[in-house]
């Protein structure tokens, strides 16, 4: 499912216009991104938690030259699902 399909389903279920649903979805995303940029975790009850974690450097290999190198450590966004999200594949 892509964003367009998601907005269409949400609009039908909530009986709202597609534009309004898309703007709400956009605001939710920007609010989460702003909080993560400040270093805060975003925890939504019965949904999940968004947080920033630091990925350690690791040994890699260039497939063309076959030379080994170490990647730089970097910060990435991690999502941990709660409730139904956690048990989808179990």
Protein backbone atom coordinates (compact mmCIF):
# COMPACT_ATOMS: atom_id res chain seq x y z
CA UNK A 1 0.00 0.00 0.00
CA UNK A 2 1.35 3.40 -0.92
CA UNK A 3 0.51 6.83 0.49
CA UNK A 4 -2.21 7.55 -2.06
CA UNK A 5 -4.04 4.29 -1.33
CA UNK A 6 -3.65 4.83 2.41
CA UNK A 7 -5.16 8.33 2.19
CA UNK A 8 -8.09 7.02 0.11
CA UNK A 9 -8.91 4.31 2.68
CA UNK A 10 -8.55 6.76 5.56
CA UNK A 11 -10.82 9.28 3.81
CA UNK A 12 -13.53 6.65 3.30
CA UNK A 13 -13.36 5.39 6.88
CA UNK A 14 -13.43 8.87 8.44
CA UNK A 15 -15.79 10.39 5.85
CA UNK A 16 -13.37 13.25 5.15
CA UNK A 17 -11.91 14.68 1.98
CA UNK A 18 -8.68 13.21 0.61
CA UNK A 19 -6.97 16.61 0.86
CA UNK A 20 -7.82 16.93 4.55
CA UNK A 21 -6.59 13.39 5.30
CA UNK A 22 -3.37 14.01 3.40
CA UNK A 23 -2.72 17.25 5.28
CA UNK A 24 -3.36 15.52 8.64
CA UNK A 25 -0.98 12.72 7.68
CA UNK A 26 1.63 15.28 6.63
CA UNK A 27 1.30 17.14 9.96
CA UNK A 28 1.68 13.91 11.92
CA UNK A 29 4.85 13.09 10.01
CA UNK A 30 6.33 16.56 10.43
CA UNK A 31 5.55 16.55 14.17
CA UNK A 32 7.31 13.20 14.62
CA UNK A 33 10.31 14.37 12.56
CA UNK A 34 10.59 17.61 14.56
CA UNK A 35 10.55 15.71 17.86
CA UNK A 36 13.20 13.26 16.62
CA UNK A 37 15.42 16.14 15.47
CA UNK A 38 15.27 17.52 19.02
CA UNK A 39 16.45 14.13 20.32
CA UNK A 40 13.11 13.15 21.84
CA UNK A 41 11.44 9.76 21.54
CA UNK A 42 7.86 9.66 20.27
CA UNK A 43 5.79 6.98 22.00
CA UNK A 44 2.18 6.46 20.93
CA UNK A 45 0.14 4.12 23.13
CA UNK A 46 -1.05 0.96 21.31
CA UNK A 47 0.88 2.02 18.19
CA UNK A 48 4.63 2.20 18.67
CA UNK A 49 7.72 4.18 19.49
CA UNK A 50 9.94 6.18 17.16
CA UNK A 51 13.49 6.85 18.34
CA UNK A 52 16.95 7.75 17.07
CA UNK A 53 19.71 5.19 17.60
CA UNK A 54 23.36 5.32 16.63
CA UNK A 55 24.52 2.61 14.27
CA UNK A 56 28.10 1.57 15.00
CA UNK A 57 30.77 1.53 12.32
CA UNK A 58 31.16 -1.82 10.63
CA UNK A 59 33.54 -3.58 8.33
CA UNK A 60 32.45 -3.44 4.68
CA UNK A 61 33.86 -4.52 1.34
CA UNK A 62 33.80 -2.71 -1.99
CA UNK A 63 32.42 -5.31 -4.47
CA UNK A 64 34.37 -3.85 -7.38
CA UNK A 65 37.82 -3.37 -5.86
CA UNK A 66 37.43 -6.03 -3.12
CA UNK A 67 39.01 -3.60 -0.65
CA UNK A 68 37.86 -3.56 2.96
CA UNK A 69 36.86 -0.37 4.72
CA UNK A 70 34.94 0.73 7.79
CA UNK A 71 31.67 2.60 7.44
CA UNK A 72 31.13 5.71 9.53
CA UNK A 73 28.86 5.50 12.55
CA UNK A 74 25.54 7.24 11.91
CA UNK A 75 22.21 7.97 13.52
CA UNK A 76 19.12 6.24 12.13
CA UNK A 77 15.43 6.24 12.96
CA UNK A 78 14.06 3.09 14.54
CA UNK A 79 10.39 2.13 14.98
CA UNK A 80 9.32 -0.39 17.60
CA UNK A 81 5.73 -1.53 17.22
CA UNK A 82 3.39 -2.07 20.17
CA UNK A 83 0.29 -4.21 20.52
CA UNK A 84 -0.97 -5.58 17.20
CA UNK A 85 2.10 -4.35 15.28
CA UNK A 86 4.36 -6.45 17.46
CA UNK A 87 2.52 -9.71 16.81
CA UNK A 88 1.65 -9.47 13.11
CA UNK A 89 4.06 -12.19 12.00
CA UNK A 90 4.02 -14.44 15.08
